[in-house]
Amino acid sequence: MSKKKNVAQRLAIIEDMTIYNAATQKQALVEALAACDELELDLSTVGEIDTAGFQLLVLVKREAARLGKQAHIVAHSPAVSEVVDFFNMAAHFGDPILVPAQEAR
């Protein structure tokens, strides 16, 4: 008997998304994605994000696509918005102000 997966799951990351937290956060992101069809990332309390954190966002988006699932950011902190804007990826990840997450795929 297989378990029925949740349709959507919201995951709030509360720690900084830096190299120091990347391994732990990677595990949490992969597990959350495995447990649902759609992963909504709440990053509204992330105080700092570096390239390791940005790579995690790219990883979860890529893995979601590979698995036929969806993943997007539904709440950005100023730090996350700055990095996403710097890399010009708002449409890719979903920007609640510019592009509603449900439309960003």
N, C-alpha and C. Protein backbone atom coordinates (compact mmCIF):
# COMPACT_ATOMS: atom_id res chain seq x y z
N MET A 1 0.85 -1.18 0.00
CA MET A 1 0.00 0.00 0.00
C MET A 1 0.90 1.24 0.00
N SER A 2 0.68 2.15 -0.93
CA SER A 2 1.50 3.36 -0.98
C SER A 2 0.80 4.49 -0.24
N LYS A 3 1.63 5.37 0.28
CA LYS A 3 1.09 6.53 0.98
C LYS A 3 0.64 7.57 -0.03
N LYS A 4 -0.46 8.21 0.27
CA LYS A 4 -0.93 9.30 -0.57
C LYS A 4 -0.14 10.55 -0.20
N LYS A 5 0.41 11.21 -1.20
CA LYS A 5 1.20 12.41 -0.97
C LYS A 5 0.29 13.62 -0.81
N ASN A 6 0.77 14.57 -0.03
CA ASN A 6 0.05 15.83 0.10
C ASN A 6 0.09 16.56 -1.22
N VAL A 7 -0.94 17.28 -1.54
CA VAL A 7 -0.97 18.03 -2.78
C VAL A 7 -0.01 19.20 -2.71
N ALA A 8 -0.06 19.99 -1.64
CA ALA A 8 0.84 21.13 -1.48
C ALA A 8 1.35 21.16 -0.05
N GLN A 9 2.58 21.59 0.07
CA GLN A 9 3.19 21.70 1.39
C GLN A 9 3.98 23.00 1.44
N ARG A 10 3.85 23.70 2.56
CA ARG A 10 4.61 24.93 2.76
C ARG A 10 5.73 24.64 3.74
N LEU A 11 6.93 25.05 3.37
CA LEU A 11 8.10 24.89 4.22
C LEU A 11 8.69 26.26 4.51
N ALA A 12 8.78 26.60 5.79
CA ALA A 12 9.37 27.87 6.20
C ALA A 12 10.82 27.62 6.60
N ILE A 13 11.72 28.34 5.97
CA ILE A 13 13.13 28.30 6.34
C ILE A 13 13.36 29.50 7.24
N ILE A 14 13.79 29.25 8.47
CA ILE A 14 13.94 30.35 9.42
C ILE A 14 15.41 30.72 9.67
N GLU A 15 16.32 29.83 9.31
CA GLU A 15 17.74 30.15 9.50
C GLU A 15 18.26 30.84 8.24
N ASP A 16 19.45 31.44 8.39
CA ASP A 16 20.11 32.01 7.22
C ASP A 16 20.40 30.90 6.23
N MET A 17 20.30 31.21 4.95
CA MET A 17 20.60 30.24 3.90
C MET A 17 22.04 30.48 3.44
N THR A 18 22.96 30.02 4.26
CA THR A 18 24.38 30.21 3.99
C THR A 18 25.09 28.87 3.96
N ILE A 19 26.34 28.89 3.61
CA ILE A 19 27.15 27.68 3.55
C ILE A 19 27.11 26.92 4.87
N TYR A 20 26.95 27.63 5.97
CA TYR A 20 26.97 27.00 7.29
C TYR A 20 25.73 26.14 7.55
N ASN A 21 24.65 26.44 6.89
CA ASN A 21 23.39 25.70 7.08
C ASN A 21 23.00 24.87 5.85
N ALA A 22 23.81 24.91 4.81
CA ALA A 22 23.41 24.32 3.52
C ALA A 22 23.13 22.82 3.60
N ALA A 23 23.96 22.07 4.27
CA ALA A 23 23.77 20.61 4.31
C ALA A 23 22.45 20.24 4.99
N THR A 24 22.18 20.87 6.12
CA THR A 24 20.94 20.60 6.85
C THR A 24 19.73 21.05 6.04
N GLN A 25 19.82 22.22 5.45
CA GLN A 25 18.70 22.74 4.67
C GLN A 25 18.47 21.91 3.40
N LYS A 26 19.55 21.44 2.79
CA LYS A 26 19.39 20.59 1.60
C LYS A 26 18.56 19.36 1.95
N GLN A 27 18.89 18.72 3.06
CA GLN A 27 18.16 17.52 3.48
C GLN A 27 16.68 17.85 3.72
N ALA A 28 16.41 18.95 4.40
CA ALA A 28 15.03 19.34 4.67
C ALA A 28 14.26 19.64 3.39
N LEU A 29 14.90 20.31 2.45
CA LEU A 29 14.25 20.63 1.18
C LEU A 29 13.95 19.39 0.36
N VAL A 30 14.91 18.47 0.28
CA VAL A 30 14.73 17.24 -0.48
C VAL A 30 13.61 16.40 0.14
N GLU A 31 13.60 16.28 1.46
CA GLU A 31 12.56 15.51 2.14
C GLU A 31 11.18 16.14 1.94
N ALA A 32 11.11 17.46 2.04
CA ALA A 32 9.83 18.14 1.86
C ALA A 32 9.32 17.96 0.44
N LEU A 33 10.20 18.04 -0.54
CA LEU A 33 9.79 17.86 -1.92
C LEU A 33 9.32 16.43 -2.17
N ALA A 34 9.97 15.47 -1.55
CA ALA A 34 9.58 14.07 -1.72
C ALA A 34 8.19 13.79 -1.15
N ALA A 35 7.77 14.58 -0.18
CA ALA A 35 6.51 14.33 0.53
C ALA A 35 5.30 15.05 -0.06
N CYS A 36 5.49 15.75 -1.20
CA CYS A 36 4.37 16.51 -1.74
C CYS A 36 4.48 16.61 -3.25
N ASP A 37 3.43 17.15 -3.84
CA ASP A 37 3.42 17.41 -5.27
C ASP A 37 3.80 18.86 -5.58
N GLU A 38 3.57 19.72 -4.60
CA GLU A 38 3.87 21.14 -4.77
C GLU A 38 4.49 21.65 -3.47
N LEU A 39 5.66 22.27 -3.59
CA LEU A 39 6.37 22.80 -2.42
C LEU A 39 6.39 24.31 -2.49
N GLU A 40 5.85 24.93 -1.45
CA GLU A 40 5.88 26.38 -1.32
C GLU A 40 6.91 26.74 -0.28
N LEU A 41 7.90 27.54 -0.66
CA LEU A 41 8.96 27.94 0.26
C LEU A 41 8.67 29.31 0.83
N ASP A 42 8.55 29.36 2.14
CA ASP A 42 8.38 30.63 2.85
C ASP A 42 9.76 31.03 3.36
N LEU A 43 10.33 32.04 2.73
CA LEU A 43 11.67 32.51 3.08
C LEU A 43 11.61 33.91 3.69
N SER A 44 10.47 34.23 4.26
CA SER A 44 10.25 35.60 4.77
C SER A 44 11.11 35.95 5.96
N THR A 45 11.64 34.97 6.68
CA THR A 45 12.47 35.28 7.85
C THR A 45 13.96 35.01 7.62
N VAL A 46 14.35 34.68 6.39
CA VAL A 46 15.77 34.45 6.10
C VAL A 46 16.50 35.79 6.14
N GLY A 47 17.45 35.91 7.06
CA GLY A 47 18.18 37.16 7.23
C GLY A 47 19.36 37.33 6.30
N GLU A 48 19.93 36.20 5.85
CA GLU A 48 21.10 36.24 4.97
C GLU A 48 21.05 35.04 4.04
N ILE A 49 21.43 35.26 2.79
CA ILE A 49 21.53 34.18 1.82
C ILE A 49 22.78 34.42 0.99
N ASP A 50 23.58 33.38 0.84
CA ASP A 50 24.78 33.47 0.02
C ASP A 50 24.63 32.56 -1.19
N THR A 51 25.70 32.35 -1.94
CA THR A 51 25.59 31.54 -3.14
C THR A 51 25.23 30.09 -2.83
N ALA A 52 25.64 29.58 -1.68
CA ALA A 52 25.25 28.22 -1.29
C ALA A 52 23.73 28.14 -1.10
N GLY A 53 23.15 29.15 -0.48
CA GLY A 53 21.69 29.20 -0.31
C GLY A 53 20.98 29.34 -1.64
N PHE A 54 21.52 30.17 -2.52
CA PHE A 54 20.92 30.32 -3.84
C PHE A 54 20.99 29.01 -4.62
N GLN A 55 22.11 28.29 -4.49
CA GLN A 55 22.24 27.00 -5.15
C GLN A 55 21.20 26.00 -4.64
N LEU A 56 20.84 26.09 -3.37
CA LEU A 56 19.79 25.22 -2.84
C LEU A 56 18.45 25.52 -3.50
N LEU A 57 18.18 26.80 -3.73
CA LEU A 57 16.93 27.17 -4.39
C LEU A 57 16.91 26.63 -5.82
N VAL A 58 18.03 26.73 -6.51
CA VAL A 58 18.12 26.20 -7.87
C VAL A 58 17.96 24.68 -7.84
N LEU A 59 18.59 24.03 -6.87
CA LEU A 59 18.49 22.57 -6.73
C LEU A 59 17.05 22.13 -6.55
N VAL A 60 16.34 22.76 -5.62
CA VAL A 60 14.96 22.32 -5.35
C VAL A 60 14.07 22.58 -6.56
N LYS A 61 14.29 23.65 -7.26
CA LYS A 61 13.51 23.95 -8.46
C LYS A 61 13.80 22.91 -9.55
N ARG A 62 15.07 22.56 -9.73
CA ARG A 62 15.47 21.58 -10.74
C ARG A 62 14.93 20.19 -10.40
N GLU A 63 15.03 19.80 -9.13
CA GLU A 63 14.53 18.49 -8.70
C GLU A 63 13.02 18.40 -8.84
N ALA A 64 12.34 19.48 -8.54
CA ALA A 64 10.88 19.50 -8.70
C ALA A 64 10.52 19.26 -10.16
N ALA A 65 11.21 19.93 -11.06
CA ALA A 65 10.93 19.75 -12.49
C ALA A 65 11.24 18.32 -12.92
N ARG A 66 12.34 17.77 -12.44
CA ARG A 66 12.73 16.41 -12.79
C ARG A 66 11.69 15.39 -12.34
N LEU A 67 11.08 15.66 -11.18
CA LEU A 67 10.10 14.74 -10.61
C LEU A 67 8.66 15.04 -11.04
N GLY A 68 8.49 16.04 -11.89
CA GLY A 68 7.14 16.40 -12.32
C GLY A 68 6.35 17.11 -11.24
N LYS A 69 7.06 17.80 -10.37
CA LYS A 69 6.42 18.53 -9.27
C LYS A 69 6.64 20.02 -9.46
N GLN A 70 6.16 20.80 -8.50
CA GLN A 70 6.33 22.24 -8.55
C GLN A 70 6.97 22.72 -7.25
N ALA A 71 7.80 23.74 -7.37
CA ALA A 71 8.40 24.38 -6.20
C ALA A 71 8.55 25.86 -6.51
N HIS A 72 8.14 26.68 -5.56
CA HIS A 72 8.28 28.12 -5.73
C HIS A 72 8.33 28.82 -4.38
N ILE A 73 8.88 30.02 -4.43
CA ILE A 73 8.96 30.86 -3.24
C ILE A 73 7.65 31.63 -3.14
N VAL A 74 7.04 31.59 -1.95
CA VAL A 74 5.78 32.30 -1.77
C VAL A 74 5.92 33.50 -0.84
N ALA A 75 7.07 33.62 -0.17
CA ALA A 75 7.33 34.78 0.69
C ALA A 75 8.83 35.01 0.72
N HIS A 76 9.24 36.23 0.42
CA HIS A 76 10.66 36.58 0.37
C HIS A 76 11.01 37.52 1.51
N SER A 77 12.18 37.33 2.08
CA SER A 77 12.75 38.35 2.97
C SER A 77 13.46 39.36 2.07
N PRO A 78 13.81 40.52 2.60
CA PRO A 78 14.58 41.47 1.78
C PRO A 78 15.88 40.87 1.25
N ALA A 79 16.56 40.07 2.06
CA ALA A 79 17.82 39.45 1.62
C ALA A 79 17.58 38.49 0.45
N VAL A 80 16.54 37.69 0.54
CA VAL A 80 16.23 36.74 -0.54
C VAL A 80 15.83 37.51 -1.79
N SER A 81 15.00 38.52 -1.65
CA SER A 81 14.59 39.32 -2.81
C SER A 81 15.80 39.93 -3.50
N GLU A 82 16.75 40.41 -2.73
CA GLU A 82 17.94 41.03 -3.30
C GLU A 82 18.74 40.02 -4.14
N VAL A 83 18.93 38.82 -3.61
CA VAL A 83 19.69 37.80 -4.34
C VAL A 83 18.92 37.32 -5.57
N VAL A 84 17.64 37.07 -5.42
CA VAL A 84 16.83 36.62 -6.55
C VAL A 84 16.82 37.70 -7.65
N ASP A 85 16.71 38.95 -7.25
CA ASP A 85 16.74 40.05 -8.22
C ASP A 85 18.12 40.17 -8.86
N PHE A 86 19.18 40.00 -8.07
CA PHE A 86 20.55 40.10 -8.58
C PHE A 86 20.78 39.09 -9.71
N PHE A 87 20.28 37.87 -9.51
CA PHE A 87 20.43 36.83 -10.52
C PHE A 87 19.31 36.85 -11.57
N ASN A 88 18.41 37.85 -11.47
CA ASN A 88 17.30 38.02 -12.41
C ASN A 88 16.46 36.73 -12.51
N MET A 89 16.07 36.18 -11.36
CA MET A 89 15.36 34.91 -11.31
C MET A 89 13.96 35.02 -10.70
N ALA A 90 13.42 36.21 -10.58
CA ALA A 90 12.11 36.38 -9.94
C ALA A 90 11.02 35.58 -10.67
N ALA A 91 11.02 35.61 -11.97
CA ALA A 91 10.00 34.88 -12.71
C ALA A 91 10.18 33.37 -12.57
N HIS A 92 11.42 32.94 -12.40
CA HIS A 92 11.72 31.50 -12.26
C HIS A 92 11.25 30.95 -10.92
N PHE A 93 11.50 31.70 -9.85
CA PHE A 93 11.17 31.22 -8.51
C PHE A 93 9.79 31.64 -8.04
N GLY A 94 9.25 32.69 -8.61
CA GLY A 94 7.97 33.20 -8.14
C GLY A 94 8.21 34.37 -7.21
N ASP A 95 7.77 35.51 -7.60
CA ASP A 95 7.91 36.71 -6.78
C ASP A 95 6.50 37.15 -6.41
N PRO A 96 6.15 37.10 -5.12
CA PRO A 96 4.78 37.44 -4.72
C PRO A 96 4.32 38.82 -5.16
N ILE A 97 5.27 39.73 -5.37
CA ILE A 97 4.88 41.08 -5.79
C ILE A 97 4.80 41.16 -7.31
N LEU A 98 5.80 40.62 -8.00
CA LEU A 98 5.85 40.74 -9.46
C LEU A 98 5.12 39.62 -10.19
N VAL A 99 5.33 38.40 -9.75
CA VAL A 99 4.76 37.23 -10.42
C VAL A 99 4.15 36.32 -9.37
N PRO A 100 2.84 36.18 -9.32
CA PRO A 100 2.26 35.27 -8.33
C PRO A 100 2.85 33.87 -8.46
N ALA A 101 3.15 33.21 -7.35
CA ALA A 101 3.82 31.92 -7.35
C ALA A 101 3.10 30.88 -8.18
N GLN A 102 1.78 30.90 -8.22
CA GLN A 102 1.04 29.90 -8.97
C GLN A 102 1.30 30.03 -10.46
N GLU A 103 1.65 31.21 -10.91
CA GLU A 103 1.91 31.43 -12.33
C GLU A 103 3.38 31.23 -12.69
N ALA A 104 4.27 31.29 -11.72
CA ALA A 104 5.71 31.17 -11.98
C ALA A 104 6.08 29.71 -12.03
N ARG A 105 6.33 29.22 -13.21
CA ARG A 105 6.69 27.81 -13.39
C ARG A 105 7.81 27.68 -14.35
